[in-house]
PDB file of N, CA and C in Angstrom:
ATOM      1  N   MET A   1       1.128  -1.431  -0.194  1.00  0.00           N
ATOM      2  CA  MET A   1       0.316   0.022   0.301  1.00  0.00           C
ATOM      3  C   MET A   1       0.515   1.423  -0.403  1.00  0.00           C
ATOM      4  N   ARG A   2       1.979   0.887   0.515  1.00  0.00           N
ATOM      5  CA  ARG A   2       2.921   2.163   0.244  1.00  0.00           C
ATOM      6  C   ARG A   2       2.822   3.257   1.342  1.00  0.00           C
ATOM      7  N   LEU A   3       2.117   2.790   2.574  1.00  0.00           N
ATOM      8  CA  LEU A   3       1.681   3.948   3.016  1.00  0.00           C
ATOM      9  C   LEU A   3       2.836   4.850   4.453  1.00  0.00           C
ATOM     10  N   PRO A   4       2.790   5.981   4.842  1.00  0.00           N
ATOM     11  CA  PRO A   4       3.794   6.072   5.918  1.00  0.00           C
ATOM     12  C   PRO A   4       3.445   5.296   7.029  1.00  0.00           C
ATOM     13  N   VAL A   5       5.021   5.244   7.586  1.00  0.00           N
ATOM     14  CA  VAL A   5       4.984   4.200   8.867  1.00  0.00           C
ATOM     15  C   VAL A   5       4.983   4.791   9.744  1.00  0.00           C
ATOM     16  N   LEU A   6       4.156   4.933  10.742  1.00  0.00           N
ATOM     17  CA  LEU A   6       4.470   5.177  12.411  1.00  0.00           C
ATOM     18  C   LEU A   6       5.343   4.187  12.954  1.00  0.00           C
ATOM     19  N   VAL A   7       5.937   4.359  14.025  1.00  0.00           N
ATOM     20  CA  VAL A   7       7.036   3.314  14.393  1.00  0.00           C
ATOM     21  C   VAL A   7       6.794   3.906  16.088  1.00  0.00           C
ATOM     22  N   VAL A   8       6.208   2.455  16.565  1.00  0.00           N
ATOM     23  CA  VAL A   8       6.061   2.917  18.058  1.00  0.00           C
ATOM     24  C   VAL A   8       7.338   1.684  18.729  1.00  0.00           C
ATOM     25  N   THR A   9       8.106   2.453  19.670  1.00  0.00           N
ATOM     26  CA  THR A   9       9.088   2.239  20.940  1.00  0.00           C
ATOM     27  C   THR A   9       8.680   2.486  21.648  1.00  0.00           C
ATOM     28  N   HIS A  10       9.948   2.218  22.844  1.00  0.00           N
ATOM     29  CA  HIS A  10       9.519   2.298  24.206  1.00  0.00           C
ATOM     30  C   HIS A  10      10.660   3.449  24.334  1.00  0.00           C
ATOM     31  N   ALA A  11      10.710   3.596  25.803  1.00  0.00           N
ATOM     32  CA  ALA A  11      12.340   4.740  26.052  1.00  0.00           C
ATOM     33  C   ALA A  11      12.862   3.886  26.978  1.00  0.00           C
ATOM     34  N   GLU A  12      12.873   2.458  27.178  1.00  0.00           N
ATOM     35  CA  GLU A  12      14.054   2.316  28.268  1.00  0.00           C
ATOM     36  C   GLU A  12      14.923   2.008  27.724  1.00  0.00           C
ATOM     37  N   LEU A  13      15.957   1.478  28.263  1.00  0.00           N
ATOM     38  CA  LEU A  13      17.469   1.027  27.615  1.00  0.00           C
ATOM     39  C   LEU A  13      17.127   0.438  26.600  1.00  0.00           C
ATOM     40  N   GLY A  14      17.877   0.779  25.546  1.00  0.00           N
ATOM     41  CA  GLY A  14      17.711  -0.232  24.349  1.00  0.00           C
ATOM     42  C   GLY A  14      17.325   0.467  23.434  1.00  0.00           C
ATOM     43  N   ALA A  15      16.274   1.437  23.950  1.00  0.00           N
ATOM     44  CA  ALA A  15      15.048   1.752  22.949  1.00  0.00           C
ATOM     45  C   ALA A  15      15.598   2.556  21.531  1.00  0.00           C
ATOM     46  N   ILE A  16      16.881   3.156  21.682  1.00  0.00           N
ATOM     47  CA  ILE A  16      17.587   3.968  20.886  1.00  0.00           C
ATOM     48  C   ILE A  16      18.188   2.897  19.429  1.00  0.00           C
ATOM     49  N   ASN A  17      18.663   1.788  20.079  1.00  0.00           N
ATOM     50  CA  ASN A  17      19.283   0.726  19.032  1.00  0.00           C
ATOM     51  C   ASN A  17      17.593  -0.026  18.571  1.00  0.00           C
ATOM     52  N   GLU A  18      17.103   0.062  19.013  1.00  0.00           N
ATOM     53  CA  GLU A  18      15.881  -0.701  18.356  1.00  0.00           C
ATOM     54  C   GLU A  18      14.977   0.379  17.324  1.00  0.00           C
ATOM     55  N   ALA A  19      15.272   1.392  18.122  1.00  0.00           N
ATOM     56  CA  ALA A  19      13.816   2.559  16.996  1.00  0.00           C
ATOM     57  C   ALA A  19      14.924   2.988  15.588  1.00  0.00           C
ATOM     58  N   LEU A  20      16.530   2.997  16.279  1.00  0.00           N
ATOM     59  CA  LEU A  20      17.039   3.124  14.754  1.00  0.00           C
ATOM     60  C   LEU A  20      17.231   2.156  13.553  1.00  0.00           C
ATOM     61  N   LEU A  21      17.646   0.821  14.221  1.00  0.00           N
ATOM     62  CA  LEU A  21      17.383   0.044  13.658  1.00  0.00           C
ATOM     63  C   LEU A  21      15.641  -0.292  12.975  1.00  0.00           C
ATOM     64  N   THR A  22      14.904  -0.106  13.358  1.00  0.00           N
ATOM     65  CA  THR A  22      13.827  -0.450  12.589  1.00  0.00           C
ATOM     66  C   THR A  22      13.203   0.673  11.319  1.00  0.00           C
ATOM     67  N   ILE A  23      14.142   1.931  12.499  1.00  0.00           N
ATOM     68  CA  ILE A  23      13.473   3.099  10.929  1.00  0.00           C
ATOM     69  C   ILE A  23      14.516   3.077  10.210  1.00  0.00           C
ATOM     70  N   HIS A  24      15.997   2.433  10.082  1.00  0.00           N
ATOM     71  CA  HIS A  24      16.973   2.071   9.063  1.00  0.00           C
ATOM     72  C   HIS A  24      16.432   0.740   7.853  1.00  0.00           C
ATOM     73  N   ALA A  25      15.509  -0.008   8.456  1.00  0.00           N
ATOM     74  CA  ALA A  25      15.041  -1.196   7.788  1.00  0.00           C
ATOM     75  C   ALA A  25      13.272  -0.563   7.118  1.00  0.00           C
ATOM     76  N   VAL A  26      12.420   0.306   7.790  1.00  0.00           N
ATOM     77  CA  VAL A  26      11.648   1.066   7.166  1.00  0.00           C
ATOM     78  C   VAL A  26      12.064   1.421   5.495  1.00  0.00           C
ATOM     79  N   ARG A  27      13.224   2.156   5.770  1.00  0.00           N
ATOM     80  CA  ARG A  27      13.610   3.172   4.906  1.00  0.00           C
ATOM     81  C   ARG A  27      14.220   2.347   3.717  1.00  0.00           C
ATOM     82  N   GLU A  28      15.179   0.904   3.975  1.00  0.00           N
ATOM     83  CA  GLU A  28      15.631   0.329   3.346  1.00  0.00           C
ATOM     84  C   GLU A  28      14.728  -0.184   2.013  1.00  0.00           C
ATOM     85  N   ARG A  29      13.032  -0.382   2.786  1.00  0.00           N
ATOM     86  CA  ARG A  29      12.160  -0.788   1.869  1.00  0.00           C
ATOM     87  C   ARG A  29      11.375   0.550   0.983  1.00  0.00           C
ATOM     88  N   HIS A  30      12.069   1.325   0.855  1.00  0.00           N
ATOM     89  CA  HIS A  30      11.668   2.778   0.555  1.00  0.00           C
ATOM     90  C   HIS A  30      10.145   3.106   0.744  1.00  0.00           C
ATOM     91  N   LEU A  31      10.002   2.825   2.085  1.00  0.00           N
ATOM     92  CA  LEU A  31       8.724   3.560   2.896  1.00  0.00           C
ATOM     93  C   LEU A  31       9.130   4.769   3.495  1.00  0.00           C
ATOM     94  N   ALA A  32       7.972   5.342   3.572  1.00  0.00           N
ATOM     95  CA  ALA A  32       8.576   6.754   4.693  1.00  0.00           C
ATOM     96  C   ALA A  32       8.117   6.687   5.897  1.00  0.00           C
ATOM     97  N   VAL A  33       8.869   7.451   6.604  1.00  0.00           N
ATOM     98  CA  VAL A  33       8.801   6.963   8.490  1.00  0.00           C
ATOM     99  C   VAL A  33       7.811   8.407   8.753  1.00  0.00           C
ATOM    100  N   ALA A  34       7.216   8.070   9.191  1.00  0.00           N
ATOM    101  CA  ALA A  34       6.124   9.661   9.588  1.00  0.00           C
ATOM    102  C   ALA A  34       6.405  10.103  11.067  1.00  0.00           C
ATOM    103  N   GLY A  35       6.570   9.575  11.545  1.00  0.00           N
ATOM    104  CA  GLY A  35       6.620   9.356  12.912  1.00  0.00           C
ATOM    105  C   GLY A  35       7.292   8.673  13.552  1.00  0.00           C
ATOM    106  N   MET A  36       7.159   8.907  15.239  1.00  0.00           N
ATOM    107  CA  MET A  36       7.312   7.916  15.703  1.00  0.00           C
ATOM    108  C   MET A  36       6.303   8.103  17.247  1.00  0.00           C
ATOM    109  N   VAL A  37       5.683   6.867  17.895  1.00  0.00           N
ATOM    110  CA  VAL A  37       5.377   6.765  19.120  1.00  0.00           C
ATOM    111  C   VAL A  37       6.036   5.971  19.835  1.00  0.00           C
ATOM    112  N   ILE A  38       6.340   6.862  21.408  1.00  0.00           N
ATOM    113  CA  ILE A  38       6.847   6.223  22.309  1.00  0.00           C
ATOM    114  C   ILE A  38       6.042   5.773  23.264  1.00  0.00           C
ATOM    115  N   ASN A  39       5.952   4.449  23.694  1.00  0.00           N
ATOM    116  CA  ASN A  39       4.778   3.854  24.022  1.00  0.00           C
ATOM    117  C   ASN A  39       5.156   3.386  25.522  1.00  0.00           C
ATOM    118  N   ARG A  40       4.591   3.475  26.557  1.00  0.00           N
ATOM    119  CA  ARG A  40       4.762   3.107  28.262  1.00  0.00           C
ATOM    120  C   ARG A  40       6.020   3.907  28.795  1.00  0.00           C
ATOM    121  N   VAL A  41       5.537   5.335  28.994  1.00  0.00           N
ATOM    122  CA  VAL A  41       6.679   6.131  28.932  1.00  0.00           C
ATOM    123  C   VAL A  41       5.801   6.114  31.075  1.00  0.00           C
ATOM    124  N   PRO A  42       7.213   5.796  31.831  1.00  0.00           N
ATOM    125  CA  PRO A  42       6.512   6.245  33.098  1.00  0.00           C
ATOM    126  C   PRO A  42       5.743   7.725  33.343  1.00  0.00           C
ATOM    127  N   ALA A  43       5.230   8.073  34.478  1.00  0.00           N
ATOM    128  CA  ALA A  43       5.496   9.343  34.921  1.00  0.00           C
ATOM    129  C   ALA A  43       6.680   9.983  35.408  1.00  0.00           C
ATOM    130  N   PRO A  44       6.765  11.579  35.265  1.00  0.00           N
ATOM    131  CA  PRO A  44       8.236  12.037  35.305  1.00  0.00           C
ATOM    132  C   PRO A  44       8.530  11.529  36.913  1.00  0.00           C
ATOM    133  N   GLY A  45       7.972  11.518  37.486  1.00  0.00           N
ATOM    134  CA  GLY A  45       8.600  11.002  39.094  1.00  0.00           C
ATOM    135  C   GLY A  45       9.238   9.712  38.809  1.00  0.00           C
ATOM    136  N   ARG A  46       9.069   8.966  37.820  1.00  0.00           N
ATOM    137  CA  ARG A  46       9.495   7.772  38.404  1.00  0.00           C
ATOM    138  C   ARG A  46      10.302   7.104  37.088  1.00  0.00           C
ATOM    139  N   ARG A  47      10.983   8.143  36.222  1.00  0.00           N
ATOM    140  CA  ARG A  47      11.594   7.917  35.249  1.00  0.00           C
ATOM    141  C   ARG A  47      13.565   7.769  35.348  1.00  0.00           C
ATOM    142  N   ASP A  48      13.587   6.859  34.906  1.00  0.00           N
ATOM    143  CA  ASP A  48      15.339   6.545  35.611  1.00  0.00           C
ATOM    144  C   ASP A  48      16.784   7.700  34.708  1.00  0.00           C
ATOM    145  N   LEU A  49      17.230   7.605  34.379  1.00  0.00           N
ATOM    146  CA  LEU A  49      18.204   8.142  33.210  1.00  0.00           C
ATOM    147  C   LEU A  49      18.078   8.079  31.900  1.00  0.00           C
ATOM    148  N   ALA A  50      17.687   6.525  31.585  1.00  0.00           N
ATOM    149  CA  ALA A  50      18.067   6.488  30.221  1.00  0.00           C
ATOM    150  C   ALA A  50      16.917   6.837  30.056  1.00  0.00           C
ATOM    151  N   VAL A  51      15.424   5.925  30.280  1.00  0.00           N
ATOM    152  CA  VAL A  51      13.950   7.057  29.604  1.00  0.00           C
ATOM    153  C   VAL A  51      14.359   8.320  29.485  1.00  0.00           C
ATOM    154  N   THR A  52      14.911   9.235  30.624  1.00  0.00           N
ATOM    155  CA  THR A  52      14.790  10.364  30.638  1.00  0.00           C
ATOM    156  C   THR A  52      15.302  11.193  29.250  1.00  0.00           C
ATOM    157  N   THR A  53      16.707  10.440  29.089  1.00  0.00           N
ATOM    158  CA  THR A  53      17.945  10.776  27.824  1.00  0.00           C
ATOM    159  C   THR A  53      17.026  10.273  26.792  1.00  0.00           C
ATOM    160  N   ASN A  54      16.236   8.939  26.242  1.00  0.00           N
ATOM    161  CA  ASN A  54      16.022   8.440  25.715  1.00  0.00           C
ATOM    162  C   ASN A  54      14.784   9.153  24.704  1.00  0.00           C
ATOM    163  N   LEU A  55      14.146  10.167  25.660  1.00  0.00           N
ATOM    164  CA  LEU A  55      13.090  10.802  25.136  1.00  0.00           C
ATOM    165  C   LEU A  55      13.747  11.893  24.585  1.00  0.00           C
ATOM    166  N   GLU A  56      14.618  12.471  24.982  1.00  0.00           N
ATOM    167  CA  GLU A  56      15.062  13.533  24.204  1.00  0.00           C
ATOM    168  C   GLU A  56      16.136  13.467  22.933  1.00  0.00           C
ATOM    169  N   GLU A  57      16.825  12.049  22.957  1.00  0.00           N
ATOM    170  CA  GLU A  57      17.800  11.572  22.097  1.00  0.00           C
ATOM    171  C   GLU A  57      17.095  10.883  21.064  1.00  0.00           C
ATOM    172  N   LEU A  58      15.704  10.007  21.317  1.00  0.00           N
ATOM    173  CA  LEU A  58      15.204   9.316  19.718  1.00  0.00           C
ATOM    174  C   LEU A  58      14.663  10.363  19.163  1.00  0.00           C
ATOM    175  N   PRO A  59      14.401  11.682  18.917  1.00  0.00           N
ATOM    176  CA  PRO A  59      14.006  12.463  18.110  1.00  0.00           C
ATOM    177  C   PRO A  59      15.531  12.685  17.147  1.00  0.00           C
ATOM    178  N   ARG A  60      16.205  13.464  18.275  1.00  0.00           N
ATOM    179  CA  ARG A  60      17.625  13.781  17.608  1.00  0.00           C
ATOM    180  C   ARG A  60      18.092  12.894  17.043  1.00  0.00           C
ATOM    181  N   LEU A  61      18.411  11.196  17.284  1.00  0.00           N
ATOM    182  CA  LEU A  61      19.714  10.647  16.450  1.00  0.00           C
ATOM    183  C   LEU A  61      18.724  10.390  15.130  1.00  0.00           C
ATOM    184  N   SER A  62      17.816  10.084  14.982  1.00  0.00           N
ATOM    185  CA  SER A  62      16.637   9.152  14.230  1.00  0.00           C
ATOM    186  C   SER A  62      16.534  10.263  13.245  1.00  0.00           C
ATOM    187  N   GLY A  63      16.328  12.076  13.516  1.00  0.00           N
ATOM    188  CA  GLY A  63      15.699  12.500  12.389  1.00  0.00           C
ATOM    189  C   GLY A  63      14.166  12.090  12.088  1.00  0.00           C
ATOM    190  N   VAL A  64      13.653  11.979  13.288  1.00  0.00           N
ATOM    191  CA  VAL A  64      12.376  11.273  12.974  1.00  0.00           C
ATOM    192  C   VAL A  64      11.149  11.842  14.289  1.00  0.00           C
ATOM    193  N   PRO A  65      10.143  12.893  13.870  1.00  0.00           N
ATOM    194  CA  PRO A  65       9.213  13.759  15.062  1.00  0.00           C
ATOM    195  C   PRO A  65       8.709  12.391  15.631  1.00  0.00           C
ATOM    196  N   VAL A  66       8.754  13.000  16.955  1.00  0.00           N
ATOM    197  CA  VAL A  66       8.008  12.287  17.843  1.00  0.00           C
ATOM    198  C   VAL A  66       6.401  12.821  17.602  1.00  0.00           C
ATOM    199  N   ARG A  67       5.491  11.617  17.157  1.00  0.00           N
ATOM    200  CA  ARG A  67       4.024  12.204  16.591  1.00  0.00           C
ATOM    201  C   ARG A  67       3.114  11.940  18.623  1.00  0.00           C
ATOM    202  N   ALA A  68       3.653  11.194  19.770  1.00  0.00           N
ATOM    203  CA  ALA A  68       2.805  11.191  20.920  1.00  0.00           C
ATOM    204  C   ALA A  68       3.709  10.443  21.452  1.00  0.00           C
ATOM    205  N   VAL A  69       3.554  10.731  22.937  1.00  0.00           N
ATOM    206  CA  VAL A  69       4.173   9.794  24.106  1.00  0.00           C
ATOM    207  C   VAL A  69       3.106   9.597  24.988  1.00  0.00           C
ATOM    208  N   LEU A  70       2.822   8.180  25.156  1.00  0.00           N
ATOM    209  CA  LEU A  70       2.116   7.361  25.967  1.00  0.00           C
ATOM    210  C   LEU A  70       2.304   6.826  27.236  1.00  0.00           C
ATOM    211  N   PRO A  71       1.946   7.379  28.141  1.00  0.00           N
ATOM    212  CA  PRO A  71       1.856   6.902  29.616  1.00  0.00           C
ATOM    213  C   PRO A  71       1.516   5.792  29.359  1.00  0.00           C
ATOM    214  N   GLU A  72       2.567   5.525  30.358  1.00  0.00           N
ATOM    215  CA  GLU A  72       2.527   3.539  30.962  1.00  0.00           C
ATOM    216  C   GLU A  72       0.787   3.742  31.804  1.00  0.00           C
ATOM    217  N   GLY A  73       0.483   2.290  31.830  1.00  0.00           N
ATOM    218  CA  GLY A  73      -0.393   2.343  32.406  1.00  0.00           C
ATOM    219  C   GLY A  73      -1.744   1.489  31.745  1.00  0.00           C
ATOM    220  N   ASP A  74      -2.964   1.302  32.602  1.00  0.00           N
ATOM    221  CA  ASP A  74      -4.230   0.637  32.288  1.00  0.00           C
ATOM    222  C   ASP A  74      -5.078   0.649  30.818  1.00  0.00           C
ATOM    223  N   LEU A  75      -4.847  -0.018  29.836  1.00  0.00           N
ATOM    224  CA  LEU A  75      -5.594   0.699  28.543  1.00  0.00           C
ATOM    225  C   LEU A  75      -6.895  -0.264  28.654  1.00  0.00           C
ATOM    226  N   SER A  76      -7.762  -0.629  29.594  1.00  0.00           N
ATOM    227  CA  SER A  76      -8.918  -0.989  29.707  1.00  0.00           C
ATOM    228  C   SER A  76      -9.797   0.272  28.978  1.00  0.00           C
ATOM    229  N   GLY A  77      -9.417   1.318  29.415  1.00  0.00           N
ATOM    230  CA  GLY A  77     -10.293   2.139  29.255  1.00  0.00           C
ATOM    231  C   GLY A  77     -10.437   2.889  27.819  1.00  0.00           C
ATOM    232  N   GLY A  78      -9.921   1.893  26.585  1.00  0.00           N
ATOM    233  CA  GLY A  78      -9.536   2.512  25.103  1.00  0.00           C
ATOM    234  C   GLY A  78      -8.495   3.170  24.793  1.00  0.00           C
ATOM    235  N   VAL A  79      -8.556   3.471  23.738  1.00  0.00           N
ATOM    236  CA  VAL A  79      -7.439   3.947  22.624  1.00  0.00           C
ATOM    237  C   VAL A  79      -6.857   5.771  23.916  1.00  0.00           C
ATOM    238  N   PRO A  80      -5.699   5.755  24.323  1.00  0.00           N
ATOM    239  CA  PRO A  80      -5.128   6.698  24.480  1.00  0.00           C
ATOM    240  C   PRO A  80      -5.712   8.291  24.067  1.00  0.00           C
ATOM    241  N   ALA A  81      -5.962   9.175  24.796  1.00  0.00           N
ATOM    242  CA  ALA A  81      -6.447  10.388  24.443  1.00  0.00           C
ATOM    243  C   ALA A  81      -5.087  10.976  23.491  1.00  0.00           C
ATOM    244  N   ALA A  82      -3.885  10.726  24.120  1.00  0.00           N
ATOM    245  CA  ALA A  82      -3.210  11.488  23.106  1.00  0.00           C
ATOM    246  C   ALA A  82      -2.794  10.727  22.024  1.00  0.00           C
ATOM    247  N   LEU A  83      -2.939   8.963  21.918  1.00  0.00           N
ATOM    248  CA  LEU A  83      -2.605   8.604  20.335  1.00  0.00           C
ATOM    249  C   LEU A  83      -3.996   9.040  19.155  1.00  0.00           C
ATOM    250  N   VAL A  84      -4.740   9.027  19.940  1.00  0.00           N
ATOM    251  CA  VAL A  84      -6.028   9.916  19.050  1.00  0.00           C
ATOM    252  C   VAL A  84      -6.166  11.147  18.220  1.00  0.00           C
ATOM    253  N   GLU A  85      -5.307  11.938  19.386  1.00  0.00           N
ATOM    254  CA  GLU A  85      -5.201  13.340  18.725  1.00  0.00           C
ATOM    255  C   GLU A  85      -3.621  13.038  18.008  1.00  0.00           C
ATOM    256  N   ALA A  86      -2.834  12.361  18.277  1.00  0.00           N
ATOM    257  CA  ALA A  86      -1.563  12.404  17.500  1.00  0.00           C
ATOM    258  C   ALA A  86      -1.837  12.113  16.269  1.00  0.00           C
ATOM    259  N   LEU A  87      -2.499  10.810  16.219  1.00  0.00           N
ATOM    260  CA  LEU A  87      -2.741  10.569  14.586  1.00  0.00           C
ATOM    261  C   LEU A  87      -4.163  11.274  13.683  1.00  0.00           C
ATOM    262  N   GLY A  88      -4.752  11.982  14.615  1.00  0.00           N
ATOM    263  CA  GLY A  88      -5.494  12.538  14.446  1.00  0.00           C
ATOM    264  C   GLY A  88      -5.236  14.066  13.013  1.00  0.00           C
ATOM    265  N   THR A  89      -3.935  14.240  13.921  1.00  0.00           N
ATOM    266  CA  THR A  89      -2.622  15.136  13.581  1.00  0.00           C
ATOM    267  C   THR A  89      -2.604  14.823  11.820  1.00  0.00           C
ATOM    268  N   PHE A  90      -1.739  13.402  12.525  1.00  0.00           N
ATOM    269  CA  PHE A  90      -0.847  13.341  11.354  1.00  0.00           C
ATOM    270  C   PHE A  90      -1.755  12.737  10.224  1.00  0.00           C
ATOM    271  N   ALA A  91      -2.693  12.587  10.144  1.00  0.00           N
ATOM    272  CA  ALA A  91      -3.463  11.733   9.030  1.00  0.00           C
ATOM    273  C   ALA A  91      -4.298  13.235   8.456  1.00  0.00           C
ATOM    274  N   ARG A  92      -4.115  14.480   8.995  1.00  0.00           N
ATOM    275  CA  ARG A  92      -4.699  15.590   8.337  1.00  0.00           C
ATOM    276  C   ARG A  92      -3.317  15.998   7.502  1.00  0.00           C
ATOM    277  N   GLU A  93      -2.268  15.981   8.051  1.00  0.00           N
ATOM    278  CA  GLU A  93      -0.734  16.584   7.317  1.00  0.00           C
ATOM    279  C   GLU A  93      -0.904  15.371   6.796  1.00  0.00           C
ATOM    280  N   TRP A  94      -0.745  13.538   6.593  1.00  0.00           N
ATOM    281  CA  TRP A  94      -0.363  13.031   5.720  1.00  0.00           C
ATOM    282  C   TRP A  94      -1.551  13.572   3.934  1.00  0.00           C
ATOM    283  N   TRP A  95      -2.724  13.598   4.423  1.00  0.00           N
ATOM    284  CA  TRP A  95      -3.769  13.629   3.906  1.00  0.00           C
ATOM    285  C   TRP A  95      -3.781  14.911   2.631  1.00  0.00           C
ATOM    286  N   GLN A  96      -3.217  15.900   3.115  1.00  0.00           N
ATOM    287  CA  GLN A  96      -3.079  17.587   2.898  1.00  0.00           C
ATOM    288  C   GLN A  96      -1.611  17.045   1.855  1.00  0.00           C
ATOM    289  N   LEU A  97      -0.725  16.391   2.314  1.00  0.00           N
ATOM    290  CA  LEU A  97       0.752  16.397   1.336  1.00  0.00           C
ATOM    291  C   LEU A  97       0.447  15.174   0.625  1.00  0.00           C
ATOM    292  N   ALA A  98      -0.561  14.193  -0.047  1.00  0.00           N
ATOM    293  CA  ALA A  98      -0.947  12.865  -0.884  1.00  0.00           C
ATOM    294  C   ALA A  98      -1.707  14.023  -1.929  1.00  0.00           C
ATOM    295  N   ALA A  99      -2.725  14.905  -1.539  1.00  0.00           N
ATOM    296  CA  ALA A  99      -3.428  15.407  -2.283  1.00  0.00           C
ATOM    297  C   ALA A  99      -3.379  15.688  -3.521  1.00  0.00           C
ATOM    298  N   PRO A 100      -3.471  15.806  -4.763  1.00  0.00           N
ATOM    299  CA  PRO A 100      -2.981  16.008  -5.849  1.00  0.00           C
ATOM    300  C   PRO A 100      -3.195  17.896  -5.532  1.00  0.00           C
ATOM    301  N   ALA A 101      -1.994  18.145  -5.916  1.00  0.00           N
ATOM    302  CA  ALA A 101      -2.070  19.855  -6.375  1.00  0.00           C
ATOM    303  C   ALA A 101      -2.782  20.507  -7.248  1.00  0.00           C
TER     304      ALA A 101
END
């Protein structure tokens, strides 16, 4: 379908390596990386050095914008509002880029 790809990653130790390898693999297949979603992020008072650093370094090292940062927690209440908001913005941007001029 050749749709742009959203890479979903975490922020713990190892996230940079995993995200960069995933982004590289996506680009090797000639697909566009439209952004990154960082999933299961602990609350600010519970973040260790790796999480804090990775939240800053992931977009910088990858050159890929972060579309959403989702907190860790129970998803029984449905899709997190932050993801719905991010995907809505992403969809509108993508539609404008994909529309013929």
